[in-house]
């Protein structure tokens, strides 16, 4: 009863608060960036919403993941990065405006794309779960838990900017604490699954993270963007919203075992991300020395 109450009510409420906090950090300029400099944002969305799920699908097959892990890593790939990617972009001194704009726009679009990707994953790897998955209820759930809180946050930021800016750090810290607690809870609840398949899920999650970062950087290089934009795309494609993926698994799908891969990725994604931060720092130092 307690576990059901936590997964069905408390966890969605906390995620809604986190998404509300993300909305407090957004302004209309973050969306207008799409019209001012559309190509980097469109390329980033292409990498996040299309290429990353394809990459996750290929890795699930390549690593011969069990159905619950394969579906979990696809759910993870369907959840674009939240405020974590913005913080890492700031640490890397990347293009923060591009990072925030990508976060803002992908957070709105994923209400449509995420359920479709999950439906595809379940049809491919979990035929037994296909009948219990509801595309409509998942979409409506994401609208109420993610889209509406983000929009409310944006409206409050527009009319009460000073208070919104003062409150936003609280929600950012809440997001970090929530992710840590969710990972710990999943680790405890699914310890047998982790013990039997840790090598496969850790290897696939780390590989996905590193390849996703390289994919983002490669897309930027292919389009001849600046080094800052390339690094930003690497972070945005490589850092996913693990908290949302875990919530979808345990609340909408009621399968805690689907949350194992997102939980592991929630840790491994910082390995590649901070390697990229160090690389960006080294690149800047070399550029300064040659200037």
C-alpha atoms as a PDB file:
ATOM      1  CA  UNK A   1       0.000   0.000   0.000  1.00  0.00           C
ATOM      2  CA  UNK A   2       2.788   2.410   0.990  1.00  0.00           C
ATOM      3  CA  UNK A   3       4.852   1.558  -2.100  1.00  0.00           C
ATOM      4  CA  UNK A   4       1.817   2.028  -4.357  1.00  0.00           C
ATOM      5  CA  UNK A   5       1.067   5.400  -2.734  1.00  0.00           C
ATOM      6  CA  UNK A   6       4.664   6.515  -3.286  1.00  0.00           C
ATOM      7  CA  UNK A   7       4.812   5.487  -6.946  1.00  0.00           C
ATOM      8  CA  UNK A   8       1.308   6.549  -7.891  1.00  0.00           C
ATOM      9  CA  UNK A   9       1.084   9.881  -6.053  1.00  0.00           C
ATOM     10  CA  UNK A  10       4.252  11.110  -4.323  1.00  0.00           C
ATOM     11  CA  UNK A  11       6.742  10.434  -7.150  1.00  0.00           C
ATOM     12  CA  UNK A  12       4.584  12.045  -9.886  1.00  0.00           C
ATOM     13  CA  UNK A  13       3.928  15.046  -7.621  1.00  0.00           C
ATOM     14  CA  UNK A  14       7.644  15.538  -6.959  1.00  0.00           C
ATOM     15  CA  UNK A  15       8.458  15.249 -10.673  1.00  0.00           C
ATOM     16  CA  UNK A  16       5.729  17.807 -11.424  1.00  0.00           C
ATOM     17  CA  UNK A  17       7.399  20.149  -8.919  1.00  0.00           C
ATOM     18  CA  UNK A  18      10.755  19.583 -10.625  1.00  0.00           C
ATOM     19  CA  UNK A  19       9.277  20.347 -14.049  1.00  0.00           C
ATOM     20  CA  UNK A  20       7.612  23.431 -12.557  1.00  0.00           C
ATOM     21  CA  UNK A  21      11.034  24.499 -11.309  1.00  0.00           C
ATOM     22  CA  UNK A  22      12.470  23.983 -14.782  1.00  0.00           C
ATOM     23  CA  UNK A  23       9.720  26.228 -16.133  1.00  0.00           C
ATOM     24  CA  UNK A  24      10.791  28.921 -13.646  1.00  0.00           C
ATOM     25  CA  UNK A  25      14.220  28.937 -15.313  1.00  0.00           C
ATOM     26  CA  UNK A  26      12.812  29.464 -18.814  1.00  0.00           C
ATOM     27  CA  UNK A  27      11.901  32.688 -20.590  1.00  0.00           C
ATOM     28  CA  UNK A  28      10.297  33.439 -23.927  1.00  0.00           C
ATOM     29  CA  UNK A  29      13.791  34.178 -25.284  1.00  0.00           C
ATOM     30  CA  UNK A  30      14.661  30.504 -24.853  1.00  0.00           C
ATOM     31  CA  UNK A  31      11.936  29.635 -27.356  1.00  0.00           C
ATOM     32  CA  UNK A  32      12.651  32.572 -29.660  1.00  0.00           C
ATOM     33  CA  UNK A  33      16.172  31.170 -30.071  1.00  0.00           C
ATOM     34  CA  UNK A  34      14.596  28.677 -32.492  1.00  0.00           C
ATOM     35  CA  UNK A  35      13.782  31.515 -34.881  1.00  0.00           C
ATOM     36  CA  UNK A  36      17.025  33.433 -34.363  1.00  0.00           C
ATOM     37  CA  UNK A  37      19.380  30.469 -34.846  1.00  0.00           C
ATOM     38  CA  UNK A  38      17.250  27.491 -35.907  1.00  0.00           C
ATOM     39  CA  UNK A  39      19.863  25.093 -37.309  1.00  0.00           C
ATOM     40  CA  UNK A  40      21.740  24.165 -34.069  1.00  0.00           C
ATOM     41  CA  UNK A  41      18.438  23.616 -32.269  1.00  0.00           C
ATOM     42  CA  UNK A  42      16.953  21.529 -35.078  1.00  0.00           C
ATOM     43  CA  UNK A  43      20.131  19.444 -35.267  1.00  0.00           C
ATOM     44  CA  UNK A  44      20.051  18.977 -31.479  1.00  0.00           C
ATOM     45  CA  UNK A  45      16.413  17.886 -31.559  1.00  0.00           C
ATOM     46  CA  UNK A  46      17.192  15.484 -34.410  1.00  0.00           C
ATOM     47  CA  UNK A  47      19.953  13.937 -32.307  1.00  0.00           C
ATOM     48  CA  UNK A  48      17.900  13.801 -29.097  1.00  0.00           C
ATOM     49  CA  UNK A  49      14.529  12.682 -30.380  1.00  0.00           C
ATOM     50  CA  UNK A  50      15.422  10.437 -33.314  1.00  0.00           C
ATOM     51  CA  UNK A  51      19.057   9.334 -33.454  1.00  0.00           C
ATOM     52  CA  UNK A  52      19.441   8.617 -29.728  1.00  0.00           C
ATOM     53  CA  UNK A  53      16.478   6.175 -29.573  1.00  0.00           C
ATOM     54  CA  UNK A  54      17.815   4.461 -32.709  1.00  0.00           C
ATOM     55  CA  UNK A  55      21.233   4.186 -31.052  1.00  0.00           C
ATOM     56  CA  UNK A  56      19.661   2.786 -27.859  1.00  0.00           C
ATOM     57  CA  UNK A  57      17.714   0.231 -29.916  1.00  0.00           C
ATOM     58  CA  UNK A  58      20.867  -0.912 -31.713  1.00  0.00           C
ATOM     59  CA  UNK A  59      22.781  -1.232 -28.429  1.00  0.00           C
ATOM     60  CA  UNK A  60      19.948  -3.203 -26.815  1.00  0.00           C
ATOM     61  CA  UNK A  61      20.263  -5.710 -29.642  1.00  0.00           C
ATOM     62  CA  UNK A  62      24.090  -5.618 -29.744  1.00  0.00           C
ATOM     63  CA  UNK A  63      24.357  -6.290 -25.981  1.00  0.00           C
ATOM     64  CA  UNK A  64      21.532  -8.845 -26.169  1.00  0.00           C
ATOM     65  CA  UNK A  65      19.805  -7.191 -23.231  1.00  0.00           C
ATOM     66  CA  UNK A  66      16.976  -8.910 -21.414  1.00  0.00           C
ATOM     67  CA  UNK A  67      13.563  -7.477 -22.407  1.00  0.00           C
ATOM     68  CA  UNK A  68      13.154  -5.455 -19.190  1.00  0.00           C
ATOM     69  CA  UNK A  69      16.587  -3.854 -19.632  1.00  0.00           C
ATOM     70  CA  UNK A  70      16.069  -3.244 -23.354  1.00  0.00           C
ATOM     71  CA  UNK A  71      12.732  -1.527 -22.731  1.00  0.00           C
ATOM     72  CA  UNK A  72      14.277   0.438 -19.851  1.00  0.00           C
ATOM     73  CA  UNK A  73      17.122   1.790 -21.949  1.00  0.00           C
ATOM     74  CA  UNK A  74      14.637   2.764 -24.676  1.00  0.00           C
ATOM     75  CA  UNK A  75      12.478   4.596 -22.117  1.00  0.00           C
ATOM     76  CA  UNK A  76      15.618   6.425 -21.004  1.00  0.00           C
ATOM     77  CA  UNK A  77      16.477   7.379 -24.583  1.00  0.00           C
ATOM     78  CA  UNK A  78      12.951   8.747 -24.998  1.00  0.00           C
ATOM     79  CA  UNK A  79      13.359  11.268 -22.140  1.00  0.00           C
ATOM     80  CA  UNK A  80      15.430  14.321 -23.224  1.00  0.00           C
ATOM     81  CA  UNK A  81      17.712  15.923 -20.637  1.00  0.00           C
ATOM     82  CA  UNK A  82      16.313  18.318 -18.066  1.00  0.00           C
ATOM     83  CA  UNK A  83      18.131  20.918 -16.019  1.00  0.00           C
ATOM     84  CA  UNK A  84      21.136  18.619 -15.480  1.00  0.00           C
ATOM     85  CA  UNK A  85      22.281  19.225 -19.042  1.00  0.00           C
ATOM     86  CA  UNK A  86      22.042  22.987 -18.496  1.00  0.00           C
ATOM     87  CA  UNK A  87      24.202  22.790 -15.360  1.00  0.00           C
ATOM     88  CA  UNK A  88      26.834  20.679 -17.147  1.00  0.00           C
ATOM     89  CA  UNK A  89      26.812  23.077 -20.118  1.00  0.00           C
ATOM     90  CA  UNK A  90      27.438  25.915 -17.690  1.00  0.00           C
ATOM     91  CA  UNK A  91      30.351  24.024 -16.095  1.00  0.00           C
ATOM     92  CA  UNK A  92      31.795  23.315 -19.546  1.00  0.00           C
ATOM     93  CA  UNK A  93      31.361  26.967 -20.524  1.00  0.00           C
ATOM     94  CA  UNK A  94      29.438  25.704 -23.539  1.00  0.00           C
ATOM     95  CA  UNK A  95      26.621  27.572 -25.291  1.00  0.00           C
ATOM     96  CA  UNK A  96      24.222  27.848 -22.356  1.00  0.00           C
ATOM     97  CA  UNK A  97      21.567  29.658 -24.426  1.00  0.00           C
ATOM     98  CA  UNK A  98      21.517  26.750 -26.900  1.00  0.00           C
ATOM     99  CA  UNK A  99      21.397  24.222 -24.054  1.00  0.00           C
ATOM    100  CA  UNK A 100      18.481  25.919 -22.310  1.00  0.00           C
ATOM    101  CA  UNK A 101      16.598  26.399 -25.579  1.00  0.00           C
ATOM    102  CA  UNK A 102      16.996  22.713 -26.449  1.00  0.00           C
ATOM    103  CA  UNK A 103      15.796  21.746 -22.969  1.00  0.00           C
ATOM    104  CA  UNK A 104      12.770  24.022 -23.279  1.00  0.00           C
ATOM    105  CA  UNK A 105      11.680  22.860 -26.726  1.00  0.00           C
ATOM    106  CA  UNK A 106      12.421  19.141 -26.230  1.00  0.00           C
ATOM    107  CA  UNK A 107      10.471  19.176 -22.944  1.00  0.00           C
ATOM    108  CA  UNK A 108       7.380  20.247 -24.877  1.00  0.00           C
ATOM    109  CA  UNK A 109       7.867  17.912 -27.829  1.00  0.00           C
ATOM    110  CA  UNK A 110       8.636  14.819 -25.718  1.00  0.00           C
ATOM    111  CA  UNK A 111       5.022  14.719 -24.541  1.00  0.00           C
ATOM    112  CA  UNK A 112       4.297  13.368 -28.035  1.00  0.00           C
ATOM    113  CA  UNK A 113       7.522  11.514 -28.899  1.00  0.00           C
ATOM    114  CA  UNK A 114       8.186   9.733 -25.596  1.00  0.00           C
ATOM    115  CA  UNK A 115       4.981   7.616 -25.546  1.00  0.00           C
ATOM    116  CA  UNK A 116       5.521   6.657 -29.207  1.00  0.00           C
ATOM    117  CA  UNK A 117       9.091   5.506 -28.545  1.00  0.00           C
ATOM    118  CA  UNK A 118       7.972   3.535 -25.486  1.00  0.00           C
ATOM    119  CA  UNK A 119       5.193   1.906 -27.489  1.00  0.00           C
ATOM    120  CA  UNK A 120       7.735   0.899 -30.148  1.00  0.00           C
ATOM    121  CA  UNK A 121      10.124  -0.480 -27.502  1.00  0.00           C
ATOM    122  CA  UNK A 122       7.429  -2.586 -25.855  1.00  0.00           C
ATOM    123  CA  UNK A 123       6.247  -3.927 -29.221  1.00  0.00           C
ATOM    124  CA  UNK A 124       9.834  -4.935 -30.066  1.00  0.00           C
ATOM    125  CA  UNK A 125      11.081  -6.303 -26.754  1.00  0.00           C
ATOM    126  CA  UNK A 126       8.055  -6.965 -24.556  1.00  0.00           C
ATOM    127  CA  UNK A 127       5.188  -8.473 -26.499  1.00  0.00           C
ATOM    128  CA  UNK A 128       3.533  -9.602 -23.244  1.00  0.00           C
ATOM    129  CA  UNK A 129       3.373  -5.993 -22.008  1.00  0.00           C
ATOM    130  CA  UNK A 130       2.045  -4.581 -25.290  1.00  0.00           C
ATOM    131  CA  UNK A 131      -1.598  -5.104 -24.388  1.00  0.00           C
ATOM    132  CA  UNK A 132      -1.278  -3.351 -21.013  1.00  0.00           C
ATOM    133  CA  UNK A 133       0.466  -0.255 -22.415  1.00  0.00           C
ATOM    134  CA  UNK A 134      -1.842   2.675 -23.127  1.00  0.00           C
ATOM    135  CA  UNK A 135      -0.494   5.322 -25.478  1.00  0.00           C
ATOM    136  CA  UNK A 136      -3.302   7.719 -24.534  1.00  0.00           C
ATOM    137  CA  UNK A 137      -2.956   7.434 -20.749  1.00  0.00           C
ATOM    138  CA  UNK A 138       0.833   7.761 -20.951  1.00  0.00           C
ATOM    139  CA  UNK A 139       0.527  10.869 -23.130  1.00  0.00           C
ATOM    140  CA  UNK A 140      -2.072  12.413 -20.820  1.00  0.00           C
ATOM    141  CA  UNK A 141       0.061  11.548 -17.802  1.00  0.00           C
ATOM    142  CA  UNK A 142       3.084  13.298 -19.315  1.00  0.00           C
ATOM    143  CA  UNK A 143       0.957  16.325 -20.172  1.00  0.00           C
ATOM    144  CA  UNK A 144      -0.171  16.689 -16.544  1.00  0.00           C
ATOM    145  CA  UNK A 145       3.172  15.817 -14.937  1.00  0.00           C
ATOM    146  CA  UNK A 146       5.574  17.581 -17.309  1.00  0.00           C
ATOM    147  CA  UNK A 147       3.985  19.926 -19.845  1.00  0.00           C
ATOM    148  CA  UNK A 148       1.468  21.745 -17.646  1.00  0.00           C
ATOM    149  CA  UNK A 149       3.903  22.332 -14.725  1.00  0.00           C
ATOM    150  CA  UNK A 150       6.548  23.646 -17.164  1.00  0.00           C
ATOM    151  CA  UNK A 151       4.032  26.035 -18.736  1.00  0.00           C
ATOM    152  CA  UNK A 152       2.871  27.252 -15.304  1.00  0.00           C
ATOM    153  CA  UNK A 153       6.506  27.837 -14.347  1.00  0.00           C
ATOM    154  CA  UNK A 154       7.134  29.814 -17.545  1.00  0.00           C
ATOM    155  CA  UNK A 155       4.075  31.990 -16.895  1.00  0.00           C
ATOM    156  CA  UNK A 156       5.143  32.697 -13.308  1.00  0.00           C
ATOM    157  CA  UNK A 157       8.685  33.511 -14.496  1.00  0.00           C
ATOM    158  CA  UNK A 158       7.220  35.982 -17.003  1.00  0.00           C
ATOM    159  CA  UNK A 159       5.033  37.844 -14.487  1.00  0.00           C
ATOM    160  CA  UNK A 160       7.036  37.370 -11.276  1.00  0.00           C
ATOM    161  CA  UNK A 161      10.606  37.137 -12.555  1.00  0.00           C
ATOM    162  CA  UNK A 162      12.377  38.176  -9.351  1.00  0.00           C
ATOM    163  CA  UNK A 163      10.571  35.617  -7.157  1.00  0.00           C
ATOM    164  CA  UNK A 164      10.950  32.906  -9.814  1.00  0.00           C
ATOM    165  CA  UNK A 165      14.717  33.434 -10.044  1.00  0.00           C
ATOM    166  CA  UNK A 166      14.983  33.287  -6.245  1.00  0.00           C
ATOM    167  CA  UNK A 167      12.978  30.041  -5.994  1.00  0.00           C
ATOM    168  CA  UNK A 168      14.434  28.176  -8.985  1.00  0.00           C
ATOM    169  CA  UNK A 169      17.610  26.847  -7.235  1.00  0.00           C
ATOM    170  CA  UNK A 170      15.428  25.020  -4.669  1.00  0.00           C
ATOM    171  CA  UNK A 171      13.748  23.013  -7.426  1.00  0.00           C
ATOM    172  CA  UNK A 172      17.100  22.305  -9.083  1.00  0.00           C
ATOM    173  CA  UNK A 173      18.404  20.819  -5.807  1.00  0.00           C
ATOM    174  CA  UNK A 174      15.140  18.922  -5.441  1.00  0.00           C
ATOM    175  CA  UNK A 175      15.697  17.358  -8.874  1.00  0.00           C
ATOM    176  CA  UNK A 176      19.137  16.092  -7.850  1.00  0.00           C
ATOM    177  CA  UNK A 177      17.900  14.725  -4.518  1.00  0.00           C
ATOM    178  CA  UNK A 178      14.894  13.064  -6.182  1.00  0.00           C
ATOM    179  CA  UNK A 179      17.083  11.323  -8.776  1.00  0.00           C
ATOM    180  CA  UNK A 180      19.447  10.039  -6.083  1.00  0.00           C
ATOM    181  CA  UNK A 181      16.553   8.733  -3.962  1.00  0.00           C
ATOM    182  CA  UNK A 182      14.922   7.055  -6.962  1.00  0.00           C
ATOM    183  CA  UNK A 183      18.191   5.350  -7.939  1.00  0.00           C
ATOM    184  CA  UNK A 184      18.705   4.125  -4.356  1.00  0.00           C
ATOM    185  CA  UNK A 185      15.111   2.840  -4.180  1.00  0.00           C
ATOM    186  CA  UNK A 186      15.412   1.011  -7.502  1.00  0.00           C
ATOM    187  CA  UNK A 187      18.764  -0.462  -6.461  1.00  0.00           C
ATOM    188  CA  UNK A 188      17.235  -1.844  -3.256  1.00  0.00           C
ATOM    189  CA  UNK A 189      14.041  -3.092  -4.871  1.00  0.00           C
ATOM    190  CA  UNK A 190      15.696  -4.618  -7.940  1.00  0.00           C
ATOM    191  CA  UNK A 191      18.933  -5.821  -6.307  1.00  0.00           C
ATOM    192  CA  UNK A 192      18.504  -9.326  -7.741  1.00  0.00           C
ATOM    193  CA  UNK A 193      18.110  -7.993 -11.280  1.00  0.00           C
ATOM    194  CA  UNK A 194      21.136  -5.747 -10.803  1.00  0.00           C
ATOM    195  CA  UNK A 195      23.229  -8.561  -9.364  1.00  0.00           C
ATOM    196  CA  UNK A 196      22.457 -10.905 -12.255  1.00  0.00           C
ATOM    197  CA  UNK A 197      22.838  -8.389 -15.083  1.00  0.00           C
ATOM    198  CA  UNK A 198      24.985  -5.541 -13.744  1.00  0.00           C
ATOM    199  CA  UNK A 199      27.774  -6.072 -16.262  1.00  0.00           C
ATOM    200  CA  UNK A 200      25.413  -5.931 -19.243  1.00  0.00           C
ATOM    201  CA  UNK A 201      23.363  -2.953 -18.064  1.00  0.00           C
ATOM    202  CA  UNK A 202      26.394  -0.943 -16.914  1.00  0.00           C
ATOM    203  CA  UNK A 203      28.298  -1.618 -20.147  1.00  0.00           C
ATOM    204  CA  UNK A 204      25.317  -0.772 -22.345  1.00  0.00           C
ATOM    205  CA  UNK A 205      24.486   2.390 -20.349  1.00  0.00           C
ATOM    206  CA  UNK A 206      28.066   3.663 -20.411  1.00  0.00           C
ATOM    207  CA  UNK A 207      28.421   2.826 -24.106  1.00  0.00           C
ATOM    208  CA  UNK A 208      25.162   4.629 -24.868  1.00  0.00           C
ATOM    209  CA  UNK A 209      26.332   7.674 -22.936  1.00  0.00           C
ATOM    210  CA  UNK A 210      29.738   7.889 -24.626  1.00  0.00           C
ATOM    211  CA  UNK A 211      28.362   7.226 -28.112  1.00  0.00           C
ATOM    212  CA  UNK A 212      25.525   9.708 -27.575  1.00  0.00           C
ATOM    213  CA  UNK A 213      28.021  12.413 -26.596  1.00  0.00           C
ATOM    214  CA  UNK A 214      30.135  11.634 -29.658  1.00  0.00           C
ATOM    215  CA  UNK A 215      26.993  11.629 -31.775  1.00  0.00           C
ATOM    216  CA  UNK A 216      26.073  15.132 -30.600  1.00  0.00           C
ATOM    217  CA  UNK A 217      29.586  16.436 -31.170  1.00  0.00           C
ATOM    218  CA  UNK A 218      29.728  14.714 -34.567  1.00  0.00           C
ATOM    219  CA  UNK A 219      26.450  16.272 -35.679  1.00  0.00           C
ATOM    220  CA  UNK A 220      27.763  19.705 -34.753  1.00  0.00           C
ATOM    221  CA  UNK A 221      31.067  19.120 -36.524  1.00  0.00           C
ATOM    222  CA  UNK A 222      29.246  17.849 -39.607  1.00  0.00           C
ATOM    223  CA  UNK A 223      27.238  21.064 -39.711  1.00  0.00           C
ATOM    224  CA  UNK A 224      30.407  23.121 -39.048  1.00  0.00           C
ATOM    225  CA  UNK A 225      29.137  24.667 -35.842  1.00  0.00           C
ATOM    226  CA  UNK A 226      31.484  26.329 -33.364  1.00  0.00           C
ATOM    227  CA  UNK A 227      33.371  24.206 -30.812  1.00  0.00           C
ATOM    228  CA  UNK A 228      31.089  25.585 -28.042  1.00  0.00           C
ATOM    229  CA  UNK A 229      27.991  24.502 -29.938  1.00  0.00           C
ATOM    230  CA  UNK A 230      29.490  21.073 -30.639  1.00  0.00           C
ATOM    231  CA  UNK A 231      30.184  20.532 -26.939  1.00  0.00           C
ATOM    232  CA  UNK A 232      26.672  21.716 -26.091  1.00  0.00           C
ATOM    233  CA  UNK A 233      25.128  19.226 -28.518  1.00  0.00           C
ATOM    234  CA  UNK A 234      27.287  16.471 -27.039  1.00  0.00           C
ATOM    235  CA  UNK A 235      25.971  17.262 -23.571  1.00  0.00           C
ATOM    236  CA  UNK A 236      22.347  17.620 -24.686  1.00  0.00           C
ATOM    237  CA  UNK A 237      22.281  14.324 -26.590  1.00  0.00           C
ATOM    238  CA  UNK A 238      24.262  12.458 -23.908  1.00  0.00           C
ATOM    239  CA  UNK A 239      22.502  13.660 -20.737  1.00  0.00           C
ATOM    240  CA  UNK A 240      18.978  12.293 -20.332  1.00  0.00           C
ATOM    241  CA  UNK A 241      16.187  12.866 -17.831  1.00  0.00           C
ATOM    242  CA  UNK A 242      16.689   9.682 -15.807  1.00  0.00           C
ATOM    243  CA  UNK A 243      14.190  10.772 -13.151  1.00  0.00           C
ATOM    244  CA  UNK A 244      11.414  11.009 -15.735  1.00  0.00           C
ATOM    245  CA  UNK A 245      12.371   7.626 -17.217  1.00  0.00           C
ATOM    246  CA  UNK A 246      12.299   5.972 -13.785  1.00  0.00           C
ATOM    247  CA  UNK A 247       8.946   7.595 -13.008  1.00  0.00           C
ATOM    248  CA  UNK A 248       7.423   6.382 -16.286  1.00  0.00           C
ATOM    249  CA  UNK A 249       8.625   2.855 -15.539  1.00  0.00           C
ATOM    250  CA  UNK A 250       7.349   2.604 -11.972  1.00  0.00           C
ATOM    251  CA  UNK A 251       4.207   4.762 -12.257  1.00  0.00           C
ATOM    252  CA  UNK A 252       2.771   4.544 -15.767  1.00  0.00           C
ATOM    253  CA  UNK A 253       4.016   1.032 -16.622  1.00  0.00           C
ATOM    254  CA  UNK A 254       4.128  -0.243 -13.005  1.00  0.00           C
ATOM    255  CA  UNK A 255       7.329  -2.144 -13.751  1.00  0.00           C
ATOM    256  CA  UNK A 256      10.193  -1.337 -11.401  1.00  0.00           C
ATOM    257  CA  UNK A 257      12.471  -3.682 -13.385  1.00  0.00           C
ATOM    258  CA  UNK A 258      12.121  -1.322 -16.386  1.00  0.00           C
ATOM    259  CA  UNK A 259      13.681   1.390 -14.189  1.00  0.00           C
ATOM    260  CA  UNK A 260      16.970  -0.473 -13.667  1.00  0.00           C
ATOM    261  CA  UNK A 261      18.598   0.728 -16.912  1.00  0.00           C
ATOM    262  CA  UNK A 262      17.531   4.377 -16.427  1.00  0.00           C
ATOM    263  CA  UNK A 263      18.781   4.199 -12.827  1.00  0.00           C
ATOM    264  CA  UNK A 264      22.209   2.954 -13.911  1.00  0.00           C
ATOM    265  CA  UNK A 265      22.320   5.542 -16.694  1.00  0.00           C
ATOM    266  CA  UNK A 266      21.499   8.223 -14.138  1.00  0.00           C
ATOM    267  CA  UNK A 267      24.949   7.539 -12.682  1.00  0.00           C
ATOM    268  CA  UNK A 268      26.963   6.673 -15.797  1.00  0.00           C
ATOM    269  CA  UNK A 269      25.822   9.704 -17.791  1.00  0.00           C
ATOM    270  CA  UNK A 270      27.919  11.940 -15.546  1.00  0.00           C
ATOM    271  CA  UNK A 271      31.063   9.979 -16.433  1.00  0.00           C
ATOM    272  CA  UNK A 272      30.923  10.987 -20.086  1.00  0.00           C
ATOM    273  CA  UNK A 273      29.540  14.428 -19.295  1.00  0.00           C
ATOM    274  CA  UNK A 274      32.355  15.386 -16.942  1.00  0.00           C
ATOM    275  CA  UNK A 275      34.944  13.912 -19.301  1.00  0.00           C
ATOM    276  CA  UNK A 276      33.527  16.358 -21.812  1.00  0.00           C
ATOM    277  CA  UNK A 277      33.757  19.210 -19.279  1.00  0.00           C
ATOM    278  CA  UNK A 278      37.446  18.410 -18.731  1.00  0.00           C
ATOM    279  CA  UNK A 279      37.999  18.157 -22.492  1.00  0.00           C
ATOM    280  CA  UNK A 280      36.348  21.548 -23.004  1.00  0.00           C
ATOM    281  CA  UNK A 281      38.537  23.056 -20.288  1.00  0.00           C
ATOM    282  CA  UNK A 282      41.675  21.610 -21.900  1.00  0.00           C
ATOM    283  CA  UNK A 283      40.558  22.872 -25.305  1.00  0.00           C
ATOM    284  CA  UNK A 284      40.074  26.396 -23.939  1.00  0.00           C
ATOM    285  CA  UNK A 285      43.489  26.304 -22.239  1.00  0.00           C
ATOM    286  CA  UNK A 286      45.156  25.237 -25.507  1.00  0.00           C
ATOM    287  CA  UNK A 287      43.303  27.949 -27.431  1.00  0.00           C
ATOM    288  CA  UNK A 288      44.393  30.573 -24.900  1.00  0.00           C
ATOM    289  CA  UNK A 289      48.008  29.419 -25.067  1.00  0.00           C
ATOM    290  CA  UNK A 290      48.021  29.614 -28.869  1.00  0.00           C
ATOM    291  CA  UNK A 291      46.321  33.023 -28.933  1.00  0.00           C
END
